Amino acid sequence: MPPVDQTVNAGQEATFSVVASGTAPLSYQWEKNGAIIPGATGDSYTTPATSSSDDGSSYRVRVTNAGGTVTSSAATLTVTGGAVA
């Protein structure tokens, strides 16, 4: 199951997750707008606190095992409003 779109308020974190099946071991690498996110190598990824500049960003994950690599469809992050003071 690919990651799904997330909507959060500015200042909140967003969590994207994927459910993958296949022969273990599975390895994961998350990307934001096509760029690798260093250290984001689990079946889920939680963003740092978001800001309005993150609005519209896309997140996807590459899942790899001995059989090859599959890249998920992209999920979009929508950031609304501002952080509550």
PDB file of N, CA and C in Angstrom:
ATOM      1  N   MET A   1       0.849  -1.171   0.000  1.00  0.00           N
ATOM      2  CA  MET A   1       0.000   0.000   0.000  1.00  0.00           C
ATOM      3  C   MET A   1       0.898   1.239   0.000  1.00  0.00           C
ATOM      4  N   PRO A   2       0.723   2.127  -0.945  1.00  0.00           N
ATOM      5  CA  PRO A   2       1.581   3.307  -1.043  1.00  0.00           C
ATOM      6  C   PRO A   2       1.247   4.339   0.037  1.00  0.00           C
ATOM      7  N   PRO A   3       2.138   5.300   0.256  1.00  0.00           N
ATOM      8  CA  PRO A   3       1.831   6.368   1.209  1.00  0.00           C
ATOM      9  C   PRO A   3       0.632   7.180   0.723  1.00  0.00           C
ATOM     10  N   VAL A   4      -0.082   7.781   1.665  1.00  0.00           N
ATOM     11  CA  VAL A   4      -1.264   8.569   1.326  1.00  0.00           C
ATOM     12  C   VAL A   4      -1.018  10.041   1.633  1.00  0.00           C
ATOM     13  N   ASP A   5      -1.758  10.903   0.937  1.00  0.00           N
ATOM     14  CA  ASP A   5      -1.640  12.348   1.138  1.00  0.00           C
ATOM     15  C   ASP A   5      -1.891  12.704   2.599  1.00  0.00           C
ATOM     16  N   GLN A   6      -1.205  13.722   3.077  1.00  0.00           N
ATOM     17  CA  GLN A   6      -1.350  14.190   4.457  1.00  0.00           C
ATOM     18  C   GLN A   6      -1.634  15.687   4.452  1.00  0.00           C
ATOM     19  N   THR A   7      -2.462  16.126   5.392  1.00  0.00           N
ATOM     20  CA  THR A   7      -2.722  17.549   5.600  1.00  0.00           C
ATOM     21  C   THR A   7      -2.462  17.863   7.057  1.00  0.00           C
ATOM     22  N   VAL A   8      -1.601  18.841   7.309  1.00  0.00           N
ATOM     23  CA  VAL A   8      -1.276  19.250   8.673  1.00  0.00           C
ATOM     24  C   VAL A   8      -1.248  20.769   8.741  1.00  0.00           C
ATOM     25  N   ASN A   9      -1.337  21.292   9.956  1.00  0.00           N
ATOM     26  CA  ASN A   9      -1.140  22.720  10.175  1.00  0.00           C
ATOM     27  C   ASN A   9       0.354  23.005  10.221  1.00  0.00           C
ATOM     28  N   ALA A  10       0.743  24.189   9.799  1.00  0.00           N
ATOM     29  CA  ALA A  10       2.146  24.594   9.893  1.00  0.00           C
ATOM     30  C   ALA A  10       2.619  24.400  11.325  1.00  0.00           C
ATOM     31  N   GLY A  11       3.815  23.873  11.471  1.00  0.00           N
ATOM     32  CA  GLY A  11       4.379  23.616  12.789  1.00  0.00           C
ATOM     33  C   GLY A  11       4.171  22.191  13.261  1.00  0.00           C
ATOM     34  N   GLN A  12       3.283  21.458  12.603  1.00  0.00           N
ATOM     35  CA  GLN A  12       3.054  20.063  12.958  1.00  0.00           C
ATOM     36  C   GLN A  12       3.927  19.151  12.104  1.00  0.00           C
ATOM     37  N   GLU A  13       4.097  17.921  12.576  1.00  0.00           N
ATOM     38  CA  GLU A  13       4.785  16.898  11.800  1.00  0.00           C
ATOM     39  C   GLU A  13       3.756  16.134  10.971  1.00  0.00           C
ATOM     40  N   ALA A  14       4.213  15.504   9.919  1.00  0.00           N
ATOM     41  CA  ALA A  14       3.375  14.605   9.125  1.00  0.00           C
ATOM     42  C   ALA A  14       4.085  13.266   9.041  1.00  0.00           C
ATOM     43  N   THR A  15       3.314  12.191   9.075  1.00  0.00           N
ATOM     44  CA  THR A  15       3.899  10.858   8.983  1.00  0.00           C
ATOM     45  C   THR A  15       3.352  10.147   7.751  1.00  0.00           C
ATOM     46  N   PHE A  16       4.266   9.673   6.935  1.00  0.00           N
ATOM     47  CA  PHE A  16       3.935   8.885   5.752  1.00  0.00           C
ATOM     48  C   PHE A  16       4.389   7.459   6.020  1.00  0.00           C
ATOM     49  N   SER A  17       3.593   6.490   5.585  1.00  0.00           N
ATOM     50  CA  SER A  17       3.992   5.100   5.777  1.00  0.00           C
ATOM     51  C   SER A  17       3.619   4.287   4.550  1.00  0.00           C
ATOM     52  N   VAL A  18       4.261   3.147   4.429  1.00  0.00           N
ATOM     53  CA  VAL A  18       4.036   2.254   3.302  1.00  0.00           C
ATOM     54  C   VAL A  18       3.955   0.834   3.839  1.00  0.00           C
ATOM     55  N   VAL A  19       3.122   0.015   3.194  1.00  0.00           N
ATOM     56  CA  VAL A  19       3.056  -1.404   3.504  1.00  0.00           C
ATOM     57  C   VAL A  19       3.557  -2.140   2.274  1.00  0.00           C
ATOM     58  N   ALA A  20       4.673  -2.835   2.437  1.00  0.00           N
ATOM     59  CA  ALA A  20       5.289  -3.545   1.313  1.00  0.00           C
ATOM     60  C   ALA A  20       5.395  -5.021   1.655  1.00  0.00           C
ATOM     61  N   SER A  21       5.298  -5.842   0.644  1.00  0.00           N
ATOM     62  CA  SER A  21       5.476  -7.277   0.847  1.00  0.00           C
ATOM     63  C   SER A  21       6.522  -7.777  -0.139  1.00  0.00           C
ATOM     64  N   GLY A  22       7.102  -8.887   0.197  1.00  0.00           N
ATOM     65  CA  GLY A  22       8.130  -9.470  -0.652  1.00  0.00           C
ATOM     66  C   GLY A  22       9.105 -10.246   0.201  1.00  0.00           C
ATOM     67  N   THR A  23      10.071 -10.823  -0.444  1.00  0.00           N
ATOM     68  CA  THR A  23      11.065 -11.608   0.256  1.00  0.00           C
ATOM     69  C   THR A  23      11.957 -10.707   1.092  1.00  0.00           C
ATOM     70  N   ALA A  24      12.064 -11.039   2.377  1.00  0.00           N
ATOM     71  CA  ALA A  24      12.926 -10.268   3.276  1.00  0.00           C
ATOM     72  C   ALA A  24      14.382 -10.532   2.925  1.00  0.00           C
ATOM     73  N   PRO A  25      15.272  -9.607   3.238  1.00  0.00           N
ATOM     74  CA  PRO A  25      14.982  -8.316   3.887  1.00  0.00           C
ATOM     75  C   PRO A  25      14.543  -7.254   2.874  1.00  0.00           C
ATOM     76  N   LEU A  26      13.664  -6.376   3.334  1.00  0.00           N
ATOM     77  CA  LEU A  26      13.241  -5.224   2.545  1.00  0.00           C
ATOM     78  C   LEU A  26      13.982  -3.999   3.057  1.00  0.00           C
ATOM     79  N   SER A  27      14.444  -3.161   2.158  1.00  0.00           N
ATOM     80  CA  SER A  27      15.059  -1.897   2.578  1.00  0.00           C
ATOM     81  C   SER A  27      14.252  -0.758   1.971  1.00  0.00           C
ATOM     82  N   TYR A  28      14.253   0.367   2.673  1.00  0.00           N
ATOM     83  CA  TYR A  28      13.424   1.514   2.307  1.00  0.00           C
ATOM     84  C   TYR A  28      14.287   2.762   2.181  1.00  0.00           C
ATOM     85  N   GLN A  29      13.933   3.623   1.238  1.00  0.00           N
ATOM     86  CA  GLN A  29      14.573   4.937   1.127  1.00  0.00           C
ATOM     87  C   GLN A  29      13.514   5.940   0.709  1.00  0.00           C
ATOM     88  N   TRP A  30      13.249   6.901   1.600  1.00  0.00           N
ATOM     89  CA  TRP A  30      12.243   7.930   1.334  1.00  0.00           C
ATOM     90  C   TRP A  30      12.862   9.089   0.572  1.00  0.00           C
ATOM     91  N   GLU A  31      12.019   9.724  -0.264  1.00  0.00           N
ATOM     92  CA  GLU A  31      12.432  10.888  -1.043  1.00  0.00           C
ATOM     93  C   GLU A  31      11.409  12.005  -0.860  1.00  0.00           C
ATOM     94  N   LYS A  32      11.900  13.228  -0.858  1.00  0.00           N
ATOM     95  CA  LYS A  32      11.039  14.420  -0.853  1.00  0.00           C
ATOM     96  C   LYS A  32      11.309  15.164  -2.148  1.00  0.00           C
ATOM     97  N   ASN A  33      10.283  15.360  -2.937  1.00  0.00           N
ATOM     98  CA  ASN A  33      10.406  16.049  -4.227  1.00  0.00           C
ATOM     99  C   ASN A  33      11.516  15.446  -5.084  1.00  0.00           C
ATOM    100  N   GLY A  34      11.669  14.113  -5.010  1.00  0.00           N
ATOM    101  CA  GLY A  34      12.642  13.408  -5.831  1.00  0.00           C
ATOM    102  C   GLY A  34      14.043  13.346  -5.260  1.00  0.00           C
ATOM    103  N   ALA A  35      14.281  14.006  -4.119  1.00  0.00           N
ATOM    104  CA  ALA A  35      15.616  13.999  -3.494  1.00  0.00           C
ATOM    105  C   ALA A  35      15.612  13.056  -2.293  1.00  0.00           C
ATOM    106  N   ILE A  36      16.664  12.276  -2.166  1.00  0.00           N
ATOM    107  CA  ILE A  36      16.790  11.343  -1.052  1.00  0.00           C
ATOM    108  C   ILE A  36      16.786  12.110   0.271  1.00  0.00           C
ATOM    109  N   ILE A  37      16.051  11.569   1.252  1.00  0.00           N
ATOM    110  CA  ILE A  37      16.039  12.125   2.604  1.00  0.00           C
ATOM    111  C   ILE A  37      17.041  11.306   3.421  1.00  0.00           C
ATOM    112  N   PRO A  38      18.186  11.888   3.788  1.00  0.00           N
ATOM    113  CA  PRO A  38      19.189  11.124   4.538  1.00  0.00           C
ATOM    114  C   PRO A  38      18.603  10.541   5.825  1.00  0.00           C
ATOM    115  N   GLY A  39      18.874   9.262   6.059  1.00  0.00           N
ATOM    116  CA  GLY A  39      18.442   8.609   7.288  1.00  0.00           C
ATOM    117  C   GLY A  39      16.999   8.133   7.286  1.00  0.00           C
ATOM    118  N   ALA A  40      16.239   8.425   6.231  1.00  0.00           N
ATOM    119  CA  ALA A  40      14.829   8.018   6.163  1.00  0.00           C
ATOM    120  C   ALA A  40      14.747   6.649   5.509  1.00  0.00           C
ATOM    121  N   THR A  41      14.997   5.595   6.307  1.00  0.00           N
ATOM    122  CA  THR A  41      15.147   4.254   5.752  1.00  0.00           C
ATOM    123  C   THR A  41      14.236   3.230   6.419  1.00  0.00           C
ATOM    124  N   GLY A  42      13.119   3.685   6.961  1.00  0.00           N
ATOM    125  CA  GLY A  42      12.159   2.766   7.562  1.00  0.00           C
ATOM    126  C   GLY A  42      10.892   2.678   6.746  1.00  0.00           C
ATOM    127  N   ASP A  43       9.935   1.884   7.230  1.00  0.00           N
ATOM    128  CA  ASP A  43       8.674   1.748   6.501  1.00  0.00           C
ATOM    129  C   ASP A  43       7.739   2.930   6.730  1.00  0.00           C
ATOM    130  N   SER A  44       8.189   3.876   7.570  1.00  0.00           N
ATOM    131  CA  SER A  44       7.456   5.138   7.719  1.00  0.00           C
ATOM    132  C   SER A  44       8.460   6.274   7.857  1.00  0.00           C
ATOM    133  N   TYR A  45       7.986   7.477   7.579  1.00  0.00           N
ATOM    134  CA  TYR A  45       8.832   8.664   7.687  1.00  0.00           C
ATOM    135  C   TYR A  45       8.006   9.782   8.297  1.00  0.00           C
ATOM    136  N   THR A  46       8.539  10.399   9.350  1.00  0.00           N
ATOM    137  CA  THR A  46       7.901  11.543   9.979  1.00  0.00           C
ATOM    138  C   THR A  46       8.730  12.776   9.683  1.00  0.00           C
ATOM    139  N   THR A  47       8.078  13.785   9.119  1.00  0.00           N
ATOM    140  CA  THR A  47       8.765  15.023   8.757  1.00  0.00           C
ATOM    141  C   THR A  47       9.154  15.791  10.010  1.00  0.00           C
ATOM    142  N   PRO A  48      10.119  16.691   9.901  1.00  0.00           N
ATOM    143  CA  PRO A  48      10.305  17.681  10.957  1.00  0.00           C
ATOM    144  C   PRO A  48       9.071  18.597  10.977  1.00  0.00           C
ATOM    145  N   ALA A  49       9.008  19.490  11.951  1.00  0.00           N
ATOM    146  CA  ALA A  49       7.904  20.457  11.995  1.00  0.00           C
ATOM    147  C   ALA A  49       7.797  21.145  10.641  1.00  0.00           C
ATOM    148  N   THR A  50       6.599  21.186  10.098  1.00  0.00           N
ATOM    149  CA  THR A  50       6.393  21.715   8.753  1.00  0.00           C
ATOM    150  C   THR A  50       6.263  23.234   8.759  1.00  0.00           C
ATOM    151  N   SER A  51       6.460  23.819   7.577  1.00  0.00           N
ATOM    152  CA  SER A  51       6.226  25.248   7.394  1.00  0.00           C
ATOM    153  C   SER A  51       5.485  25.416   6.076  1.00  0.00           C
ATOM    154  N   SER A  52       5.065  26.627   5.800  1.00  0.00           N
ATOM    155  CA  SER A  52       4.315  26.865   4.562  1.00  0.00           C
ATOM    156  C   SER A  52       5.140  26.514   3.328  1.00  0.00           C
ATOM    157  N   SER A  53       6.459  26.555   3.434  1.00  0.00           N
ATOM    158  CA  SER A  53       7.291  26.211   2.277  1.00  0.00           C
ATOM    159  C   SER A  53       7.219  24.724   1.937  1.00  0.00           C
ATOM    160  N   ASP A  54       6.727  23.893   2.867  1.00  0.00           N
ATOM    161  CA  ASP A  54       6.585  22.466   2.608  1.00  0.00           C
ATOM    162  C   ASP A  54       5.283  22.142   1.877  1.00  0.00           C
ATOM    163  N   ASP A  55       4.369  23.111   1.786  1.00  0.00           N
ATOM    164  CA  ASP A  55       3.077  22.872   1.148  1.00  0.00           C
ATOM    165  C   ASP A  55       3.271  22.422  -0.304  1.00  0.00           C
ATOM    166  N   GLY A  56       2.623  21.321  -0.655  1.00  0.00           N
ATOM    167  CA  GLY A  56       2.715  20.801  -2.016  1.00  0.00           C
ATOM    168  C   GLY A  56       3.875  19.846  -2.253  1.00  0.00           C
ATOM    169  N   SER A  57       4.698  19.614  -1.236  1.00  0.00           N
ATOM    170  CA  SER A  57       5.816  18.686  -1.397  1.00  0.00           C
ATOM    171  C   SER A  57       5.298  17.270  -1.627  1.00  0.00           C
ATOM    172  N   SER A  58       6.060  16.490  -2.376  1.00  0.00           N
ATOM    173  CA  SER A  58       5.677  15.102  -2.617  1.00  0.00           C
ATOM    174  C   SER A  58       6.683  14.171  -1.949  1.00  0.00           C
ATOM    175  N   TYR A  59       6.154  13.079  -1.429  1.00  0.00           N
ATOM    176  CA  TYR A  59       6.956  12.079  -0.733  1.00  0.00           C
ATOM    177  C   TYR A  59       6.679  10.722  -1.359  1.00  0.00           C
ATOM    178  N   ARG A  60       7.746   9.978  -1.605  1.00  0.00           N
ATOM    179  CA  ARG A  60       7.607   8.614  -2.096  1.00  0.00           C
ATOM    180  C   ARG A  60       8.727   7.788  -1.492  1.00  0.00           C
ATOM    181  N   VAL A  61       8.603   6.477  -1.620  1.00  0.00           N
ATOM    182  CA  VAL A  61       9.602   5.586  -1.030  1.00  0.00           C
ATOM    183  C   VAL A  61       9.992   4.523  -2.054  1.00  0.00           C
ATOM    184  N   ARG A  62      11.283   4.205  -2.061  1.00  0.00           N
ATOM    185  CA  ARG A  62      11.790   3.100  -2.863  1.00  0.00           C
ATOM    186  C   ARG A  62      11.971   1.903  -1.933  1.00  0.00           C
ATOM    187  N   VAL A  63      11.399   0.767  -2.325  1.00  0.00           N
ATOM    188  CA  VAL A  63      11.517  -0.461  -1.542  1.00  0.00           C
ATOM    189  C   VAL A  63      12.351  -1.436  -2.358  1.00  0.00           C
ATOM    190  N   THR A  64      13.392  -1.969  -1.728  1.00  0.00           N
ATOM    191  CA  THR A  64      14.342  -2.832  -2.429  1.00  0.00           C
ATOM    192  C   THR A  64      14.504  -4.155  -1.686  1.00  0.00           C
ATOM    193  N   ASN A  65      14.592  -5.236  -2.454  1.00  0.00           N
ATOM    194  CA  ASN A  65      15.024  -6.525  -1.913  1.00  0.00           C
ATOM    195  C   ASN A  65      15.839  -7.216  -2.998  1.00  0.00           C
ATOM    196  N   ALA A  66      16.140  -8.491  -2.794  1.00  0.00           N
ATOM    197  CA  ALA A  66      16.984  -9.210  -3.755  1.00  0.00           C
ATOM    198  C   ALA A  66      16.358  -9.254  -5.145  1.00  0.00           C
ATOM    199  N   GLY A  67      15.038  -9.116  -5.223  1.00  0.00           N
ATOM    200  CA  GLY A  67      14.358  -9.181  -6.509  1.00  0.00           C
ATOM    201  C   GLY A  67      14.370  -7.888  -7.292  1.00  0.00           C
ATOM    202  N   GLY A  68      14.739  -6.787  -6.650  1.00  0.00           N
ATOM    203  CA  GLY A  68      14.776  -5.512  -7.349  1.00  0.00           C
ATOM    204  C   GLY A  68      14.228  -4.375  -6.509  1.00  0.00           C
ATOM    205  N   THR A  69      13.903  -3.282  -7.179  1.00  0.00           N
ATOM    206  CA  THR A  69      13.449  -2.062  -6.515  1.00  0.00           C
ATOM    207  C   THR A  69      12.113  -1.625  -7.103  1.00  0.00           C
ATOM    208  N   VAL A  70      11.216  -1.219  -6.220  1.00  0.00           N
ATOM    209  CA  VAL A  70       9.930  -0.663  -6.625  1.00  0.00           C
ATOM    210  C   VAL A  70       9.795   0.702  -5.970  1.00  0.00           C
ATOM    211  N   THR A  71       9.359   1.692  -6.734  1.00  0.00           N
ATOM    212  CA  THR A  71       9.133   3.035  -6.200  1.00  0.00           C
ATOM    213  C   THR A  71       7.636   3.266  -6.085  1.00  0.00           C
ATOM    214  N   SER A  72       7.212   3.734  -4.920  1.00  0.00           N
ATOM    215  CA  SER A  72       5.793   3.973  -4.682  1.00  0.00           C
ATOM    216  C   SER A  72       5.301   5.166  -5.489  1.00  0.00           C
ATOM    217  N   SER A  73       3.994   5.288  -5.567  1.00  0.00           N
ATOM    218  CA  SER A  73       3.428   6.532  -6.079  1.00  0.00           C
ATOM    219  C   SER A  73       3.689   7.611  -5.042  1.00  0.00           C
ATOM    220  N   ALA A  74       3.611   8.855  -5.452  1.00  0.00           N
ATOM    221  CA  ALA A  74       3.921   9.966  -4.548  1.00  0.00           C
ATOM    222  C   ALA A  74       2.684  10.370  -3.744  1.00  0.00           C
ATOM    223  N   ALA A  75       2.922  10.753  -2.505  1.00  0.00           N
ATOM    224  CA  ALA A  75       1.892  11.328  -1.657  1.00  0.00           C
ATOM    225  C   ALA A  75       2.210  12.805  -1.486  1.00  0.00           C
ATOM    226  N   THR A  76       1.188  13.635  -1.425  1.00  0.00           N
ATOM    227  CA  THR A  76       1.370  15.086  -1.340  1.00  0.00           C
ATOM    228  C   THR A  76       1.121  15.567   0.083  1.00  0.00           C
ATOM    229  N   LEU A  77       1.981  16.467   0.524  1.00  0.00           N
ATOM    230  CA  LEU A  77       1.818  17.105   1.825  1.00  0.00           C
ATOM    231  C   LEU A  77       1.163  18.474   1.625  1.00  0.00           C
ATOM    232  N   THR A  78       0.052  18.696   2.318  1.00  0.00           N
ATOM    233  CA  THR A  78      -0.603  19.985   2.315  1.00  0.00           C
ATOM    234  C   THR A  78      -0.419  20.604   3.687  1.00  0.00           C
ATOM    235  N   VAL A  79       0.104  21.820   3.726  1.00  0.00           N
ATOM    236  CA  VAL A  79       0.333  22.531   4.984  1.00  0.00           C
ATOM    237  C   VAL A  79      -0.617  23.729   5.015  1.00  0.00           C
ATOM    238  N   THR A  80      -1.427  23.787   6.051  1.00  0.00           N
ATOM    239  CA  THR A  80      -2.427  24.850   6.160  1.00  0.00           C
ATOM    240  C   THR A  80      -2.156  25.726   7.370  1.00  0.00           C
ATOM    241  N   GLY A  81      -2.719  26.912   7.353  1.00  0.00           N
ATOM    242  CA  GLY A  81      -2.684  27.799   8.519  1.00  0.00           C
ATOM    243  C   GLY A  81      -1.304  28.060   9.054  1.00  0.00           C
ATOM    244  N   GLY A  82      -1.274  28.357  10.323  1.00  0.00           N
ATOM    245  CA  GLY A  82      -0.014  28.623  10.994  1.00  0.00           C
ATOM    246  C   GLY A  82       0.039  27.843  12.296  1.00  0.00           C
ATOM    247  N   ALA A  83       1.189  27.811  12.875  1.00  0.00           N
ATOM    248  CA  ALA A  83       1.350  27.122  14.146  1.00  0.00           C
ATOM    249  C   ALA A  83       0.585  27.880  15.235  1.00  0.00           C
ATOM    250  N   VAL A  84       0.025  27.106  16.151  1.00  0.00           N
ATOM    251  CA  VAL A  84      -0.673  27.721  17.283  1.00  0.00           C
ATOM    252  C   VAL A  84       0.358  28.130  18.306  1.00  0.00           C
ATOM    253  N   ALA A  85       0.319  29.403  18.711  1.00  0.00           N
ATOM    254  CA  ALA A  85       1.319  29.910  19.648  1.00  0.00           C
ATOM    255  C   ALA A  85       0.958  29.539  21.069  1.00  0.00           C
TER     256      ALA A  85
END
